Protein backbone atom coordinates (compact mmCIF):
# COMPACT_ATOMS: atom_id res chain seq x y z
CA MET A 1 6.93 7.23 32.27
CA GLN A 2 3.75 8.05 30.36
CA ASP A 3 1.54 5.97 28.12
CA PHE A 4 2.43 6.98 24.57
CA LYS A 5 -1.03 5.95 23.32
CA ASN A 6 -2.52 8.88 25.24
CA LEU A 7 -0.47 11.44 23.31
CA GLN A 8 -2.43 13.05 20.49
CA VAL A 9 0.73 13.41 18.39
CA TRP A 10 1.34 9.67 18.66
CA GLN A 11 -2.27 8.92 17.66
CA LYS A 12 -2.08 11.21 14.63
CA SER A 13 1.30 9.85 13.54
CA HIS A 14 0.07 6.27 13.93
CA HIS A 15 -2.95 6.98 11.70
CA LEU A 16 -0.69 8.77 9.23
CA THR A 17 1.49 5.65 9.09
CA LEU A 18 -1.54 3.49 8.35
CA ALA A 19 -2.55 5.90 5.55
CA VAL A 20 0.96 5.81 4.06
CA TYR A 21 0.88 2.01 4.01
CA LYS A 22 -2.52 2.07 2.31
CA GLU A 23 -1.54 4.60 -0.37
CA SER A 24 1.81 2.96 -1.10
CA ARG A 25 0.19 -0.41 -1.88
CA ALA A 26 -0.43 0.84 -5.42
CA PHE A 27 3.19 1.85 -6.05
CA PRO A 28 5.04 -0.07 -8.77
CA LYS A 29 6.40 -3.43 -7.65
CA GLU A 30 9.95 -2.41 -8.56
CA GLU A 31 9.70 0.23 -5.80
CA LEU A 32 8.83 -2.30 -3.07
CA TYR A 33 12.38 -2.41 -1.70
CA ALA A 34 13.19 1.18 -2.62
CA LEU A 35 10.84 4.15 -2.24
CA THR A 36 7.90 2.15 -0.83
CA ASN A 37 10.09 0.66 1.88
CA GLN A 38 11.82 3.95 2.70
CA MET A 39 8.53 5.83 2.89
CA ARG A 40 6.92 3.25 5.14
CA ARG A 41 9.94 3.09 7.42
CA ALA A 42 10.08 6.89 7.76
CA ALA A 43 6.34 7.00 8.53
CA ALA A 44 6.53 4.20 11.12
CA SER A 45 9.61 5.77 12.69
CA VAL A 46 7.62 8.80 13.86
CA PRO A 47 5.23 7.03 16.27
CA THR A 48 7.95 4.49 17.12
CA ASN A 49 10.31 7.21 18.36
CA ILE A 50 7.52 8.90 20.31
CA ALA A 51 6.69 5.60 21.98
CA GLU A 52 10.32 4.80 22.73
CA GLY A 53 10.88 8.27 24.17
CA CYS A 54 7.93 7.82 26.51
CA GLY A 55 9.59 4.72 27.89
CA ARG A 56 12.84 6.49 28.73
CA GLY A 57 14.01 8.09 31.96
CA GLY A 58 13.02 11.72 31.66
CA ASP A 59 12.50 14.84 29.61
CA PRO A 60 16.02 15.03 28.10
CA ASP A 61 15.71 11.50 26.70
CA PHE A 62 12.12 12.10 25.60
CA GLY A 63 13.22 15.30 23.83
CA ARG A 64 15.96 13.43 21.97
CA PHE A 65 13.44 10.88 20.67
CA LEU A 66 11.03 13.65 19.70
CA GLN A 67 13.88 15.17 17.66
CA MET A 68 14.38 11.84 15.89
CA ALA A 69 10.62 11.66 15.24
CA MET A 70 10.81 15.15 13.72
CA GLY A 71 13.65 14.04 11.43
CA SER A 72 11.64 11.04 10.29
CA ALA A 73 8.57 13.20 9.66
CA THR A 74 10.66 15.54 7.51
CA GLU A 75 12.08 12.55 5.63
CA LEU A 76 8.53 11.30 5.03
CA GLU A 77 7.52 14.73 3.76
CA TYR A 78 10.23 14.49 1.10
CA HIS A 79 9.32 10.90 0.18
CA LEU A 80 5.73 12.03 -0.40
CA LEU A 81 6.95 14.78 -2.70
CA LEU A 82 9.16 12.34 -4.59
CA ALA A 83 6.33 9.82 -4.96
CA HIS A 84 4.07 12.59 -6.26
CA ASP A 85 6.69 13.85 -8.73
CA LEU A 86 7.23 10.28 -9.97
CA GLN A 87 3.44 10.10 -10.42
CA TYR A 88 3.02 7.29 -7.91
CA LEU A 89 0.77 9.48 -5.75
CA ARG A 90 -2.09 11.46 -7.25
CA ASP A 91 -2.72 15.06 -6.21
CA ASP A 92 -5.44 14.47 -3.61
CA PRO A 93 -3.64 11.75 -1.61
CA PHE A 94 -0.39 13.73 -1.85
CA LYS A 95 -2.01 16.90 -0.52
CA GLY A 96 -3.85 15.05 2.23
CA LEU A 97 -0.83 13.09 3.44
CA THR A 98 1.41 16.15 3.25
CA ALA A 99 -1.06 18.19 5.31
CA ARG A 100 -1.12 15.43 7.90
CA VAL A 101 2.66 15.18 8.15
CA VAL A 102 2.94 18.97 8.49
CA GLU A 103 0.38 18.84 11.32
CA VAL A 104 2.39 16.11 13.06
CA LYS A 105 5.56 18.19 12.69
CA ARG A 106 3.83 21.20 14.27
CA MET A 107 2.63 19.05 17.15
CA LEU A 108 6.12 17.59 17.64
CA SER A 109 7.59 21.08 17.66
CA SER A 110 5.10 22.22 20.30
CA LEU A 111 5.74 19.15 22.46
CA LEU A 112 9.50 19.64 22.12
CA LYS A 113 9.16 23.21 23.43
CA LYS A 114 7.19 21.95 26.44
CA VAL A 115 9.72 19.21 27.16
CA LYS A 116 12.68 21.63 26.94
CA THR A 117 11.07 24.33 29.10
CA PRO A 118 12.35 24.13 32.68
CA ARG A 119 9.63 23.36 35.18
C-alpha cells in the first residue's frame, strides 16, 4: 500500500479538480445539477480512483482503478469541450484545463504500463 498523496499524477489531478470547481462557479445556475455537477464529479473521480487504488491489495486492483480514473479523465475532457461549445468556458480556461487533463491522461497511461509490466 502506497501513499496516494506522493504520486505526481494524483497531485496534478487534485489540482485540476480544484481548477474545475473554480471555473465552473460561473456557469449558469440552471446547469448546477446538470453539466456543472457532471463535470465536477468526473474531475473529482480521477484523484478519488487513484487514491482508492492505492489502498487496494496489489497491482491488478491498482491497475483497475487507474483505468477508471482514465475513463473519468476522458469524460471530463468531453465536458470541458461541451462547456466551451455552450460558451460557459472562455477560450483560455478551456485550453488550459484541456491541456491539464491531457497531461493527467498521459501520466495515467504511463503509470498503467508500469503497473501491468511483470516485475
